[in-house]
Protein backbone atom coordinates (compact mmCIF):
# COMPACT_ATOMS: atom_id res chain seq x y z
CA MET A 1 141.24 88.95 135.37
CA LYS A 2 144.49 90.13 135.43
CA GLY A 3 146.05 86.94 137.31
CA ASP A 4 145.09 85.17 133.74
CA LEU A 5 147.07 87.86 131.73
CA PRO A 6 150.68 87.54 130.48
CA GLN A 7 153.37 89.09 132.13
CA GLY A 8 153.14 92.85 131.89
CA TRP A 9 149.42 93.19 130.71
CA THR A 10 146.76 94.60 132.62
CA SER A 11 142.79 94.47 132.08
CA VAL A 12 140.93 97.71 131.61
CA PRO A 13 137.19 98.76 131.30
CA LEU A 14 136.75 99.84 127.64
CA LYS A 15 135.44 103.07 128.91
CA GLU A 16 138.52 103.50 130.99
CA LEU A 17 141.05 102.74 128.12
CA VAL A 18 139.55 105.53 126.26
CA GLY A 19 139.96 108.04 128.97
CA ASP A 20 139.80 111.56 127.55
CA GLY A 21 139.53 110.35 123.83
CA VAL A 22 136.01 109.94 122.31
CA PHE A 23 133.73 107.19 123.28
CA THR A 24 130.27 107.98 121.88
CA ASP A 25 127.05 106.51 119.95
CA GLY A 26 126.23 107.76 116.53
CA ASP A 27 123.48 109.95 115.89
CA TRP A 28 119.65 109.74 115.60
CA VAL A 29 119.42 110.41 111.96
CA GLU A 30 115.80 109.63 110.79
CA SER A 31 114.84 109.50 107.20
CA LYS A 32 113.48 112.96 106.86
CA ASP A 33 116.99 114.24 108.06
CA GLN A 34 118.49 112.65 105.03
CA ASP A 35 119.50 114.39 101.64
CA PRO A 36 120.78 112.49 98.50
CA ASN A 37 122.46 115.83 97.56
CA GLY A 38 124.08 116.24 101.10
CA ALA A 39 127.65 116.78 101.87
CA VAL A 40 127.95 114.61 105.14
CA ARG A 41 128.07 111.04 104.39
CA LEU A 42 126.03 108.90 106.85
CA ILE A 43 128.13 105.65 108.16
CA GLN A 44 125.85 102.79 108.78
CA LEU A 45 125.94 99.25 110.34
CA ALA A 46 126.36 97.64 106.77
CA ASP A 47 129.78 99.63 106.77
CA VAL A 48 130.94 97.98 109.33
CA GLY A 49 132.77 94.36 109.07
CA VAL A 50 134.78 92.34 111.17
CA GLY A 51 138.29 93.98 111.12
CA ARG A 52 137.36 95.53 107.83
CA PHE A 53 135.49 99.17 106.73
CA LEU A 54 133.08 97.64 104.17
CA ASP A 55 132.45 101.06 102.66
CA LYS A 56 128.77 100.31 101.49
CA SER A 57 126.49 103.32 102.51
CA SER A 58 125.20 105.85 100.14
CA ARG A 59 123.39 107.91 102.22
CA PHE A 60 123.66 111.84 102.97
CA LEU A 61 122.68 114.75 104.85
CA THR A 62 123.34 118.33 104.87
CA ASN A 63 126.33 120.49 106.78
CA GLU A 64 123.27 122.50 108.41
CA LYS A 65 121.46 118.91 109.28
CA ALA A 66 124.62 117.44 110.88
CA ALA A 67 125.08 120.85 112.41
CA GLU A 68 121.55 120.94 113.84
CA LEU A 69 121.91 117.45 115.22
CA ARG A 70 124.93 118.06 116.79
CA CYS A 71 126.66 114.95 114.99
CA THR A 72 130.07 114.08 116.08
CA PHE A 73 132.44 113.64 113.17
CA LEU A 74 134.56 110.63 112.26
CA GLU A 75 138.43 110.95 111.97
CA PRO A 76 140.97 108.46 110.42
CA GLY A 77 142.03 105.98 112.94
CA ASP A 78 138.67 106.07 114.89
CA VAL A 79 137.13 102.28 116.03
CA LEU A 80 134.10 101.74 115.10
CA VAL A 81 131.97 99.03 116.92
CA SER A 82 128.57 97.77 115.92
CA ARG A 83 125.98 97.61 118.90
CA MET A 84 123.48 95.49 117.17
CA ALA A 85 123.71 92.17 115.31
CA ASP A 86 124.67 90.48 112.85
CA PRO A 87 127.15 89.51 114.58
CA ILE A 88 126.93 91.93 117.42
CA GLY A 89 130.30 93.80 118.68
CA ARG A 90 132.06 93.65 115.33
CA ALA A 91 134.86 96.29 115.08
CA CYS A 92 136.63 98.40 112.04
CA ILE A 93 138.88 101.23 111.76
CA PHE A 94 137.57 104.19 109.47
CA HIS A 95 140.59 104.93 107.46
CA GLY A 96 138.72 108.24 106.01
CA SER A 97 136.52 109.65 103.33
CA PRO A 98 136.24 112.21 100.41
CA GLN A 99 133.15 113.25 102.40
CA ARG A 100 132.81 114.08 106.34
CA CYS A 101 131.24 111.41 107.75
CA VAL A 102 129.29 110.73 110.78
CA THR A 103 127.51 107.27 112.10
CA VAL A 104 124.03 106.00 112.94
CA VAL A 105 123.06 105.53 116.55
CA ASP A 106 124.09 101.55 116.53
CA VAL A 107 127.57 102.35 115.51
CA CYS A 108 129.73 103.47 118.47
CA ILE A 109 132.66 105.57 118.02
CA VAL A 110 135.90 104.86 119.80
CA ARG A 111 138.73 107.20 119.66
CA PRO A 112 141.52 106.14 122.48
CA GLY A 113 143.18 109.08 124.12
CA PRO A 114 146.97 109.74 123.49
CA GLY A 115 149.19 106.64 124.25
CA ARG A 116 146.40 104.46 125.84
CA ALA A 117 146.25 101.75 122.76
CA GLU A 118 147.20 101.33 119.08
CA ALA A 119 143.56 101.55 117.32
CA ARG A 120 144.90 98.25 115.32
CA TRP A 121 145.52 96.48 118.66
CA LEU A 122 142.00 97.72 120.01
CA THR A 123 140.31 96.69 116.57
CA GLY A 124 141.62 93.28 117.07
CA ALA A 125 141.29 92.84 120.52
CA ILE A 126 137.22 93.85 120.43
CA ASN A 127 136.97 91.44 117.58
CA SER A 128 138.53 88.50 119.20
CA PRO A 129 136.71 85.71 120.22
CA THR A 130 136.57 85.94 123.86
CA PHE A 131 135.83 89.95 123.81
CA ARG A 132 132.96 88.94 121.25
CA ARG A 133 131.41 86.14 123.94
CA THR A 134 131.67 88.85 126.61
CA VAL A 135 129.70 91.39 124.00
CA GLU A 136 126.88 88.81 123.42
CA VAL A 137 126.31 87.81 127.14
CA ALA A 138 126.08 91.64 128.04
CA ALA A 139 123.60 92.18 125.15
CA SER A 140 120.02 92.09 125.35
CA GLY A 141 116.82 91.79 122.99
CA THR A 142 114.50 89.54 121.58
CA THR A 143 114.61 90.00 117.74
CA ARG A 144 118.07 91.51 117.26
CA SER A 145 120.62 91.62 119.98
CA ARG A 146 121.83 94.95 121.08
CA ILE A 147 124.15 96.20 123.70
CA SER A 148 124.01 99.85 125.40
CA ARG A 149 127.09 101.90 125.02
CA GLY A 150 127.10 102.21 128.94
CA ASN A 151 127.24 98.18 129.08
CA LEU A 152 130.01 98.31 126.23
CA GLY A 153 132.08 100.56 128.19
CA THR A 154 132.05 98.37 131.30
CA LEU A 155 133.52 95.34 129.46
CA ASN A 156 137.03 94.69 130.28
CA VAL A 157 139.92 94.79 127.34
CA PRO A 158 142.98 92.94 127.80
CA VAL A 159 146.03 95.88 127.49
CA PRO A 160 149.82 94.62 126.68
CA PRO A 161 152.57 97.15 126.73
CA LEU A 162 152.52 99.52 123.85
CA ASN A 163 155.36 98.18 122.00
CA GLU A 164 154.29 94.63 122.62
CA GLN A 165 150.69 95.92 120.92
CA ARG A 166 152.63 96.80 118.08
CA ARG A 167 154.40 93.96 117.72
CA ILE A 168 151.23 91.75 117.65
CA VAL A 169 149.57 93.91 115.20
CA ALA A 170 152.53 93.69 112.83
CA LYS A 171 152.37 89.79 113.29
CA LEU A 172 148.79 89.75 112.80
CA GLU A 173 148.79 91.77 109.96
CA ALA A 174 151.44 89.63 108.13
CA LEU A 175 149.22 86.46 108.95
CA GLN A 176 145.87 88.16 107.79
CA ALA A 177 147.49 89.31 104.63
CA ARG A 178 148.11 85.15 103.80
CA SER A 179 144.46 84.74 105.02
CA ARG A 180 143.27 86.89 102.59
CA ARG A 181 145.34 85.76 99.72
CA ALA A 182 143.92 82.20 100.71
CA ARG A 183 140.39 83.53 101.01
CA GLU A 184 140.62 85.23 97.59
CA ALA A 185 141.68 81.90 95.96
CA LEU A 186 138.60 80.20 97.66
CA ASP A 187 136.21 82.79 96.44
CA ALA A 188 137.34 82.08 93.12
CA VAL A 189 136.72 78.50 93.37
CA PRO A 190 132.68 78.74 93.33
CA PRO A 191 132.24 80.22 90.06
CA LEU A 192 134.96 77.81 88.14
CA LEU A 193 132.86 74.95 89.68
CA GLU A 194 129.73 76.46 87.98
CA LYS A 195 131.48 76.73 85.13
CA LEU A 196 132.70 73.45 85.27
CA ARG A 197 129.19 72.32 85.63
CA GLN A 198 127.95 73.99 82.82
CA SER A 199 130.83 72.68 80.48
CA ILE A 200 129.98 68.95 81.79
CA LEU A 201 126.34 69.44 80.72
CA ALA A 202 127.53 71.14 77.29
CA ALA A 203 130.14 68.55 76.31
CA ALA A 204 127.32 65.59 77.31
CA PHE A 205 124.46 67.18 74.91
CA ARG A 206 127.64 67.72 72.23
CA GLY A 207 127.85 64.12 72.60
CA ASP A 208 131.60 64.68 73.71
CA LEU A 209 131.21 62.48 76.86
CA THR A 210 130.43 59.36 74.91
CA LYS A 211 132.20 59.79 71.53
CA ASP A 212 134.68 56.85 72.49
CA TRP A 213 131.82 54.53 73.07
CA ARG A 214 130.06 55.66 69.54
CA ALA A 215 133.46 54.43 68.02
CA LYS A 216 132.85 51.12 69.54
CA HIS A 217 129.51 50.92 68.59
CA LYS A 218 128.78 51.92 65.17
CA ASP A 219 125.98 49.50 64.61
CA VAL A 220 123.67 50.65 67.41
CA GLU A 221 120.04 51.52 66.55
CA PRO A 222 119.93 55.06 65.97
CA ALA A 223 117.72 57.26 67.96
CA SER A 224 115.25 57.87 65.08
CA LYS A 225 113.96 54.28 65.27
CA LEU A 226 113.32 54.93 69.02
CA LEU A 227 111.34 58.10 68.06
CA GLU A 228 109.56 55.77 65.05
CA ARG A 229 108.60 53.44 68.21
CA ILE A 230 107.37 56.13 70.44
CA ARG A 231 105.13 57.75 67.90
CA ALA A 232 103.82 54.40 67.06
CA GLU A 233 103.13 53.61 70.79
CA ARG A 234 101.48 57.26 71.29
CA ARG A 235 99.19 56.94 68.29
CA LYS A 236 98.17 53.17 69.45
CA LYS A 237 97.23 54.30 73.14
CA TRP A 238 95.49 57.27 71.47
CA GLU A 239 93.24 54.97 69.27
CA GLU A 240 92.82 52.39 72.10
CA GLY A 241 91.35 55.50 74.15
CA GLU A 242 89.23 56.90 71.66
CA LEU A 243 87.66 53.43 71.05
CA ALA A 244 87.29 52.56 74.46
CA LYS A 245 85.17 55.95 74.65
CA VAL A 246 82.88 54.81 71.48
CA MET A 247 82.49 51.45 72.99
CA ALA A 248 81.61 52.75 76.24
CA LYS A 249 78.37 54.25 74.73
CA GLY A 250 77.36 50.98 73.23
CA LYS A 251 78.45 52.02 69.59
CA ALA A 252 81.27 50.75 67.19
CA PRO A 253 83.07 52.87 64.88
CA LYS A 254 82.30 52.64 61.18
CA GLY A 255 85.32 52.52 58.89
CA ASP A 256 88.85 53.96 59.76
CA GLU A 257 87.91 57.80 59.33
CA TRP A 258 87.87 58.30 63.10
CA LYS A 259 91.68 57.57 63.29
CA ALA A 260 92.70 61.18 61.21
CA LYS A 261 91.47 63.23 63.97
CA TYR A 262 94.91 62.18 65.68
CA LYS A 263 97.51 64.95 65.51
CA GLU A 264 101.12 63.89 65.28
CA PRO A 265 103.50 65.68 67.15
CA GLU A 266 104.83 68.82 65.70
CA ALA A 267 108.54 68.08 64.32
CA ALA A 268 111.32 69.80 65.72
CA ASP A 269 112.39 72.79 63.88
CA VAL A 270 116.23 71.99 63.27
CA ALA A 271 117.11 74.68 60.67
CA GLU A 272 119.28 76.70 63.12
CA MET A 273 120.10 73.65 65.50
CA PRO A 274 123.82 72.49 65.83
CA ALA A 275 125.18 69.47 64.01
CA LEU A 276 124.74 66.26 66.10
CA PRO A 277 126.43 63.13 66.43
CA GLU A 278 125.69 60.55 63.82
CA GLY A 279 122.88 58.43 65.42
CA TRP A 280 121.37 61.34 67.50
CA CYS A 281 118.30 63.16 66.06
CA TRP A 282 116.41 66.38 67.53
CA ALA A 283 113.07 65.96 68.74
CA PRO A 284 110.49 68.29 70.41
CA LEU A 285 110.36 68.00 74.25
CA PRO A 286 106.21 67.19 73.68
CA THR A 287 107.26 64.20 71.43
CA LEU A 288 109.13 62.41 74.58
CA GLY A 289 106.54 62.90 76.90
CA GLU A 290 103.42 64.92 78.53
CA LEU A 291 104.05 68.46 79.52
CA ALA A 292 101.50 70.03 81.85
CA ARG A 293 101.37 72.94 84.28
CA GLY A 294 100.58 71.99 87.85
CA LYS A 295 97.00 72.43 89.32
CA SER A 296 95.75 74.70 92.37
CA LYS A 297 92.36 75.72 91.35
CA HIS A 298 90.73 76.58 94.85
CA ARG A 299 90.99 80.18 96.17
CA PRO A 300 92.52 81.36 98.14
CA ARG A 301 95.71 79.03 97.84
CA ASN A 302 96.67 79.11 101.69
CA ASP A 303 93.02 78.27 102.76
CA PRO A 304 93.82 75.56 105.47
CA ALA A 305 91.29 73.14 104.20
CA LEU A 306 93.52 72.34 101.42
CA PHE A 307 96.15 70.75 103.63
CA GLY A 308 96.87 67.96 105.37
CA ASP A 309 98.73 64.65 104.89
CA ALA A 310 97.13 62.78 101.85
CA MET A 311 99.34 64.10 99.30
CA PRO A 312 102.82 65.45 99.36
CA PHE A 313 102.47 69.34 97.77
CA ILE A 314 105.79 70.62 96.28
CA GLN A 315 106.62 74.26 95.63
CA THR A 316 109.15 76.17 93.60
CA GLY A 317 111.57 76.71 96.52
CA GLU A 318 111.70 72.94 97.15
CA VAL A 319 112.07 72.12 93.29
CA ALA A 320 114.97 74.93 93.47
CA ARG A 321 117.13 73.50 96.57
CA SER A 322 116.45 69.84 95.55
CA GLY A 323 119.66 69.49 93.66
CA GLY A 324 118.15 67.52 90.91
CA ARG A 325 116.46 64.93 92.94
CA ILE A 326 113.20 66.04 95.42
CA ILE A 327 113.65 63.97 98.24
CA ALA A 328 111.41 65.89 100.75
CA HIS A 329 108.53 67.92 101.18
CA SER A 330 107.48 70.71 103.89
CA SER A 331 103.64 70.59 103.20
CA ALA A 332 100.92 68.26 102.04
CA TYR A 333 97.41 68.31 100.90
CA SER A 334 94.40 66.96 102.49
CA ALA A 335 92.07 64.82 100.42
CA PHE A 336 90.11 67.97 99.25
CA GLY A 337 93.39 69.62 98.32
CA VAL A 338 93.99 66.55 96.21
CA ALA A 339 90.84 66.69 94.66
CA GLN A 340 91.25 70.30 93.18
CA SER A 341 94.58 69.83 92.15
CA ARG A 342 96.52 66.84 89.97
CA VAL A 343 98.73 64.12 91.22
CA PHE A 344 102.04 63.68 89.30
CA PRO A 345 103.91 60.20 89.62
CA ARG A 346 107.01 59.60 90.76
CA ASP A 347 109.82 60.12 88.19
CA THR A 348 108.19 63.58 87.10
CA VAL A 349 110.66 66.19 86.17
CA CYS A 350 109.60 69.33 87.78
CA ILE A 351 110.48 72.71 86.27
CA THR A 352 109.75 75.91 87.63
CA ILE A 353 108.34 78.75 85.50
CA ALA A 354 107.99 81.15 88.33
CA ALA A 355 110.07 82.98 91.07
CA ASN A 356 113.10 80.88 90.29
CA ILE A 357 113.21 80.07 86.33
CA ALA A 358 113.89 76.54 85.24
CA ASP A 359 115.16 74.95 88.17
CA THR A 360 114.81 71.27 87.74
CA GLY A 361 114.17 68.22 90.14
CA ILE A 362 112.52 64.63 89.68
CA LEU A 363 110.01 63.40 92.18
CA GLN A 364 111.04 60.71 94.30
CA PHE A 365 107.06 60.23 95.26
CA ASP A 366 103.73 60.93 93.82
CA ALA A 367 102.96 64.64 94.69
CA CYS A 368 100.77 67.56 93.63
CA PHE A 369 102.10 71.23 92.58
CA PRO A 370 100.92 74.36 91.95
CA ASP A 371 100.73 76.03 88.18
CA SER A 372 104.04 77.68 88.88
CA VAL A 373 105.76 74.32 88.29
CA VAL A 374 105.29 72.27 84.86
CA GLY A 375 105.87 68.65 85.35
CA PHE A 376 107.04 66.45 82.26
CA VAL A 377 106.09 62.89 82.50
CA ALA A 378 107.98 60.54 80.09
CA ASP A 379 106.71 58.12 77.67
CA ALA A 380 107.13 54.67 78.65
CA GLY A 381 110.47 53.07 77.15
CA SER A 382 111.26 56.99 75.75
CA VAL A 383 113.54 58.84 77.45
CA ALA A 384 114.98 58.50 81.18
CA ALA A 385 113.56 61.20 83.58
CA SER A 386 117.07 62.04 84.38
CA TYR A 387 118.34 62.55 81.00
CA VAL A 388 115.45 65.21 80.63
CA GLU A 389 116.29 66.88 83.83
CA LEU A 390 119.89 67.13 82.91
CA PHE A 391 119.13 68.51 79.65
CA ILE A 392 116.63 71.44 80.97
CA ARG A 393 119.59 72.46 82.94
CA THR A 394 121.59 73.12 79.69
CA ALA A 395 118.57 74.50 78.17
CA ARG A 396 117.90 77.07 81.14
CA ALA A 397 121.45 78.36 80.36
CA ASP A 398 121.10 78.86 76.75
CA LEU A 399 117.40 78.64 75.96
CA LYS A 400 117.25 80.33 72.48
CA ARG A 401 119.87 77.76 71.19
CA PHE A 402 117.60 74.99 71.74
CA ALA A 403 114.03 76.96 71.18
CA PRO A 404 114.95 79.07 68.22
CA ALA A 405 111.16 79.68 67.27
CA THR A 406 110.66 81.77 70.51
CA ALA A 407 112.12 84.97 71.42
CA GLN A 408 111.48 84.64 75.06
CA ALA A 409 113.92 84.65 77.53
CA ASN A 410 112.11 82.89 80.12
CA ILE A 411 110.63 79.18 80.18
CA ASN A 412 107.06 78.33 80.09
CA LEU A 413 104.76 75.80 78.89
CA GLU A 414 104.43 77.27 75.25
CA VAL A 415 108.21 77.48 75.12
CA LEU A 416 109.03 74.39 76.72
CA GLY A 417 106.76 72.85 74.06
CA LYS A 418 109.05 74.49 71.65
CA VAL A 419 112.39 73.11 73.21
CA ALA A 420 114.18 70.49 71.17
CA VAL A 421 115.83 67.95 72.48
CA PRO A 422 119.03 66.03 71.14
CA VAL A 423 118.23 62.53 71.62
CA PRO A 424 120.84 60.01 71.44
CA PRO A 425 120.39 56.00 70.96
CA GLN A 426 118.98 54.71 74.29
CA ALA A 427 122.08 52.69 75.41
CA GLU A 428 124.33 55.74 74.85
CA MET A 429 121.63 57.90 76.87
CA VAL A 430 121.97 55.59 79.66
CA LEU A 431 125.95 55.83 79.45
CA LEU A 432 125.54 59.47 78.98
CA VAL A 433 123.52 59.97 82.44
CA GLU A 434 125.87 57.88 84.38
CA ARG A 435 129.20 59.94 83.01
CA VAL A 436 127.52 63.12 83.59
CA GLU A 437 126.26 61.73 87.47
CA ARG A 438 129.72 60.69 87.90
CA ALA A 439 131.43 63.85 87.07
CA MET A 440 128.69 65.87 88.67
CA ALA A 441 129.46 64.00 92.03
CA LEU A 442 133.11 64.89 91.60
CA VAL A 443 132.24 68.58 91.43
CA ALA A 444 130.13 68.16 94.42
CA ALA A 445 132.77 66.59 96.14
CA ILE A 446 135.26 69.60 95.32
CA ALA A 447 132.67 71.95 96.32
CA SER A 448 132.21 70.11 99.86
CA SER A 449 136.09 70.07 100.29
CA HIS A 450 136.20 73.64 99.44
CA CYS A 451 133.21 74.50 101.72
CA SER A 452 135.17 72.57 104.39
CA THR A 453 138.62 74.47 103.61
CA GLY A 454 136.69 77.89 104.11
CA GLY A 455 135.65 76.81 107.44
CA LYS A 456 138.97 75.59 108.52
CA LEU A 457 140.21 78.82 107.29
CA GLN A 458 138.00 80.92 109.60
CA ILE A 459 138.79 78.61 112.50
CA LEU A 460 142.40 79.39 111.96
CA GLU A 461 141.74 83.05 111.79
CA GLN A 462 139.77 82.91 115.06
CA ALA A 463 142.31 80.61 116.64
CA THR A 464 145.26 83.25 115.66
CA LEU A 465 143.25 86.33 117.08
CA ALA A 466 142.66 84.28 120.51
CA LYS A 467 146.60 83.30 120.68
CA ALA A 468 147.18 86.97 120.09
CA PHE A 469 145.01 88.12 122.95
CA ARG A 470 146.48 85.69 124.92
CA GLY A 471 149.78 86.99 124.62
CA GLU A 472 150.88 83.85 122.68
CA LEU A 473 151.68 85.25 119.26
CA VAL A 474 154.81 86.81 119.55
CA PRO A 475 157.85 86.80 122.14
CA GLN A 476 157.62 89.05 125.08
CA ASP A 477 160.50 91.57 125.51
CA ARG A 478 161.81 92.60 129.20
CA ASN A 479 162.36 96.13 128.38
CA ASP A 480 158.92 96.73 127.25
CA GLU A 481 157.48 99.31 130.21
CA PRO A 482 154.90 96.91 131.56
CA ALA A 483 151.39 98.66 130.93
CA GLU A 484 150.25 98.86 134.63
CA ALA A 485 153.48 100.96 134.79
CA MET A 486 152.14 103.53 132.21
CA PRO A 487 151.35 107.06 133.34
CA ALA A 488 148.83 107.30 136.14
CA ARG A 489 146.69 109.74 134.07
CA VAL A 490 146.00 106.61 131.39
CA TRP A 491 144.31 104.64 133.93
CA ASP A 492 142.93 107.16 136.39
CA GLY A 493 142.47 110.31 134.45
CA GLY A 494 144.85 112.25 136.60
């Protein structure tokens, strides 16, 4: 190993490097030992980040219990190493706390003896890709990887001269400060992108995205005419259906009195609604198509007899992860499952009303789903499924604006029935969907680029650490005392 190191460096097992310092596990502190009013803070795995103390824990024990357990108290500058994933072998420096602190058993305390190693250097060495891979190889466990303190102590750490350690640490800290600033800038992007998505949707349903189109098409048929046709077609279908039922019994209706049983959809309550662009109008969602909850009557719902390969079965999580288009499914109903459910056609807008409230996705195939999902099936020739799906995203963010008749904050079938939809002329509706989807595609491209940049930054950080612990980050100084020439007591305990 020493032959692979830069001139003046050596390689020493971690335990030997610590020497007469402290190299110990945390303490076996059980739940019954803890006291929320205690004066001693218990540092946990969640507090140990990669190179950063995360300061998350809020568990305590009394001074008396700490004395009874013979706990090792932390000191500022101690290096904390996680002996358990995720990830295993991460290290940080403990900088102190208002309370006295101890650690749980899976957090190893490393306190190098005087003149042996800089704590900042040692933390970086343990977090370096090479050492972390060594830890992973030495670890064991089936569910969660763990490394024993004994095995951790046998792993070699590269040790440069003390002066070179300090130069490397100074350079790393300068580079890491730049990396942190870049990370902070990247972290600000996702919330901004989400605001941009909401702004695009809000602008679309205010009519802002198609304002230029309206200025050039002032003679277009208004949406009110579209709604008249929808209502007329719906009534005609109802009458045809009722007539078919009577005729199937061998009878013929007398007069037209039976037609009075038809119930027109309720008009939208627009008293508190925002003004719409010219040619647009408000319409209750049920006016534009059928709203119905999914169906799964059989109990238990996980009965193996329900499942097979006859029909895709969609659940709330798949709607939430769909990104607006449901193109895959993880399970399917058998013929028995289909018989106790309902098949919704392709282009149904799925709206979750449990677990993930008001997530949406459009079916790209016929499917069944449970009653935790509401399906909207648009009337032929009314509105595009994609228009309704985009609008529900907007309604989810500001439901009371579009359903003022309800005080509920969540979306369910009753609330959805009261949601009013701003309906533009059909030609404008098609253009609006195209422009929203184009804008959303640009946002998605930015999000993808952001994700890629974050990954590259992580690779750069790891590459920087690797260079540091190969001796390639700063120039060497011939005047530095070689690590092997340190006093004999450093390496052999003499």
